[in-house]
Amino acid sequence: MQKIDFKTSGKKLEVSKESNLLRMSIRYEGGIPYKCGGGICGTCVVKIDDGAQNLNKVSKKEVERLGKDLIDQGYRLACQTFVNGDVELNWEENPIRPKRKAAAK
């Protein structure tokens, strides 16, 4: 069994090999935010803190949505990411989510 540590929510799971991060988060209330679940919206961006070597190869959708720089920094789309070993991740900051502008006074 592979272990997923959802550091932002504090949830820890043991899952089968080739389990999808977003699906496990939804099923076991891990807390990863999401909208489309298909690699289009970018809402499910997570930062891999440990265990990146235990994940599937980066998908074409991830490269298109995140770009090489963010992928190199450890960001992945949870909906496109499958676990093949222990992994720790967080989603405290989504680098592709537009920042909210301060209200005008």
Protein backbone atom coordinates (compact mmCIF):
# COMPACT_ATOMS: atom_id res chain seq x y z
CA MET A 1 0.00 0.00 0.00
CA GLN A 2 1.10 3.53 -0.81
CA LYS A 3 0.71 6.38 1.69
CA ILE A 4 -0.63 9.82 0.76
CA ASP A 5 -0.12 12.64 3.26
CA PHE A 6 -2.48 15.54 2.45
CA LYS A 7 -0.50 18.03 4.54
CA THR A 8 -2.89 20.97 4.06
CA SER A 9 -5.87 19.09 5.50
CA GLY A 10 -3.93 16.74 7.77
CA LYS A 11 -5.56 13.67 6.18
CA LYS A 12 -3.35 10.59 5.71
CA LEU A 13 -4.37 7.60 3.60
CA GLU A 14 -3.12 4.20 2.54
CA VAL A 15 -4.10 3.53 -1.07
CA SER A 16 -3.58 0.95 -3.78
CA LYS A 17 -0.90 1.37 -6.43
CA GLU A 18 -1.92 3.57 -9.37
CA SER A 19 -4.48 5.47 -7.26
CA ASN A 20 -5.34 8.92 -8.56
CA LEU A 21 -4.63 11.79 -6.12
CA LEU A 22 -7.83 13.71 -6.81
CA ARG A 23 -10.08 10.65 -6.77
CA MET A 24 -8.63 9.54 -3.43
CA SER A 25 -9.05 13.06 -2.05
CA ILE A 26 -12.70 13.15 -3.12
CA ARG A 27 -13.48 9.62 -1.91
CA TYR A 28 -11.78 9.99 1.50
CA GLU A 29 -12.29 13.73 2.09
CA GLY A 30 -8.66 14.73 1.61
CA GLY A 31 -9.66 18.28 0.77
CA ILE A 32 -7.94 19.04 -2.55
CA PRO A 33 -10.00 21.75 -4.28
CA TYR A 34 -11.36 20.84 -7.72
CA LYS A 35 -13.91 21.78 -10.37
CA CYS A 36 -13.54 19.88 -13.65
CA GLY A 37 -11.45 16.82 -12.70
CA GLY A 38 -10.14 16.62 -16.27
CA GLY A 39 -6.95 18.69 -16.38
CA ILE A 40 -8.58 21.77 -17.85
CA CYS A 41 -9.40 24.22 -15.04
CA GLY A 42 -6.24 23.95 -12.93
CA THR A 43 -8.13 24.15 -9.64
CA CYS A 44 -6.56 20.92 -8.32
CA VAL A 45 -2.94 22.11 -8.47
CA VAL A 46 -0.89 20.56 -5.68
CA LYS A 47 2.74 20.96 -4.65
CA ILE A 48 4.58 17.69 -4.13
CA ASP A 49 6.66 18.11 -0.98
CA ASP A 50 8.11 14.60 -0.95
CA GLY A 51 7.84 11.49 -3.11
CA ALA A 52 7.76 13.02 -6.61
CA GLN A 53 9.68 9.97 -7.82
CA ASN A 54 6.69 7.84 -6.76
CA LEU A 55 4.28 9.48 -9.21
CA ASN A 56 3.42 8.78 -12.83
CA LYS A 57 5.09 10.69 -15.64
CA VAL A 58 3.87 14.28 -16.12
CA SER A 59 1.01 14.32 -18.63
CA LYS A 60 0.66 16.48 -21.73
CA LYS A 61 -2.31 18.25 -20.08
CA GLU A 62 -0.12 19.14 -17.10
CA VAL A 63 2.60 20.58 -19.33
CA GLU A 64 0.02 22.62 -21.23
CA ARG A 65 -1.74 23.90 -18.09
CA LEU A 66 1.20 24.38 -15.70
CA GLY A 67 4.24 24.84 -17.91
CA LYS A 68 7.71 23.44 -17.40
CA ASP A 69 8.78 25.95 -14.73
CA LEU A 70 5.95 25.06 -12.31
CA ILE A 71 6.38 21.35 -12.95
CA ASP A 72 10.09 21.70 -12.20
CA GLN A 73 9.12 23.39 -8.90
CA GLY A 74 7.08 20.31 -7.93
CA TYR A 75 3.56 21.33 -8.94
CA ARG A 76 1.16 18.78 -10.43
CA LEU A 77 -2.52 18.54 -11.33
CA ALA A 78 -4.05 16.09 -8.83
CA CYS A 79 -6.57 14.88 -11.43
CA GLN A 80 -3.72 13.75 -13.70
CA THR A 81 -1.43 12.30 -11.02
CA PHE A 82 -1.23 8.64 -9.99
CA VAL A 83 0.60 7.27 -6.93
CA ASN A 84 3.14 4.43 -7.11
CA GLY A 85 4.69 4.97 -3.67
CA ASP A 86 4.51 7.25 -0.64
CA VAL A 87 3.89 10.95 -1.30
CA GLU A 88 3.39 14.16 0.69
CA LEU A 89 1.63 17.14 -0.87
CA ASN A 90 -0.03 20.45 -0.11
CA TRP A 91 -2.23 22.95 -1.93
CA GLU A 92 -1.75 26.05 0.21
CA GLU A 93 -0.86 28.08 -2.86
CA ASN A 94 -2.12 27.63 -6.41
CA PRO A 95 0.34 29.49 -8.66
CA ILE A 96 -2.04 29.54 -11.63
CA ARG A 97 -5.11 30.79 -9.77
CA PRO A 98 -5.58 34.50 -10.45
CA LYS A 99 -4.85 36.69 -7.44
CA ARG A 100 -7.80 38.72 -6.21
CA LYS A 101 -7.42 42.44 -6.64
CA ALA A 102 -7.91 44.66 -3.63
CA ALA A 103 -11.21 46.53 -3.65
CA ALA A 104 -10.95 50.17 -4.69
CA LYS A 105 -11.56 52.69 -1.93
